[in-house]
Amino acid sequence: MTKRSLYDLYMAAAAAVRGHDATCTTCSPVRRCLLGQRLYAELVRLQDDYLTRLRAKKGTP
């Protein structure tokens, strides 16, 4: 089994948020249900990690 890259995890989290948003009747752009909050928080964390890694590769602050 191959370890998934940070980019793959980030894209999977984005897909999970989109999928949840498409079916959840509680979530809105300004308010999320508990599951929506958890999925979105994971997406934000992975996005921050991915962008930090990109900046480190480029050598920019």
Protein backbone atom coordinates (compact mmCIF):
# COMPACT_ATOMS: atom_id res chain seq x y z
CA MET A 1 0.00 0.00 0.00
CA THR A 2 1.36 3.39 -0.99
CA LYS A 3 1.29 6.28 1.43
CA ARG A 4 -0.96 9.09 0.21
CA SER A 5 0.71 12.42 -0.42
CA LEU A 6 -0.28 15.56 1.43
CA TYR A 7 -1.78 16.87 -1.82
CA ASP A 8 -3.92 13.73 -2.17
CA LEU A 9 -5.15 14.07 1.41
CA TYR A 10 -5.92 17.75 0.81
CA MET A 11 -7.89 17.00 -2.36
CA ALA A 12 -9.77 14.15 -0.65
CA ALA A 13 -10.74 16.49 2.18
CA ALA A 14 -11.95 19.09 -0.32
CA ALA A 15 -14.05 16.42 -2.07
CA ALA A 16 -15.49 15.30 1.28
CA VAL A 17 -16.54 18.87 2.11
CA ARG A 18 -18.10 19.34 -1.33
CA GLY A 19 -19.94 16.04 -1.05
CA HIS A 20 -21.22 16.87 2.41
CA ASP A 21 -22.28 20.36 1.38
CA ALA A 22 -24.22 18.93 -1.57
CA THR A 23 -26.32 16.66 0.63
CA CYS A 24 -26.56 18.33 4.04
CA THR A 25 -29.72 20.34 4.56
CA THR A 26 -28.34 21.98 7.71
CA CYS A 27 -25.09 23.43 6.39
CA SER A 28 -24.84 26.84 4.77
CA PRO A 29 -21.88 29.04 3.79
CA VAL A 30 -22.02 30.74 7.21
CA ARG A 31 -23.09 27.86 9.48
CA ARG A 32 -22.17 24.18 9.48
CA CYS A 33 -23.50 21.12 11.27
CA LEU A 34 -21.11 19.21 13.57
CA LEU A 35 -19.97 16.84 10.82
CA GLY A 36 -19.62 19.74 8.40
CA GLN A 37 -17.51 21.63 10.95
CA ARG A 38 -15.22 18.62 11.42
CA LEU A 39 -14.80 18.07 7.68
CA TYR A 40 -14.17 21.76 7.01
CA ALA A 41 -11.65 22.03 9.88
CA GLU A 42 -9.73 19.08 8.44
CA LEU A 43 -9.74 20.70 5.00
CA VAL A 44 -8.41 23.97 6.42
CA ARG A 45 -5.67 22.16 8.36
CA LEU A 46 -4.57 20.18 5.30
CA GLN A 47 -4.69 23.26 3.08
CA ASP A 48 -2.51 25.20 5.52
CA ASP A 49 -0.04 22.30 5.72
CA TYR A 50 0.09 21.96 1.93
CA LEU A 51 0.60 25.68 1.33
CA THR A 52 3.27 25.84 4.04
CA ARG A 53 5.11 22.98 2.34
CA LEU A 54 4.90 24.73 -1.04
CA ARG A 55 6.28 27.95 0.42
CA ALA A 56 9.12 26.03 2.08
CA LYS A 57 10.04 24.42 -1.25
CA LYS A 58 10.13 27.84 -2.93
CA GLY A 59 12.03 29.37 -0.04
CA THR A 60 9.49 32.15 0.53
CA PRO A 61 8.26 33.18 3.99
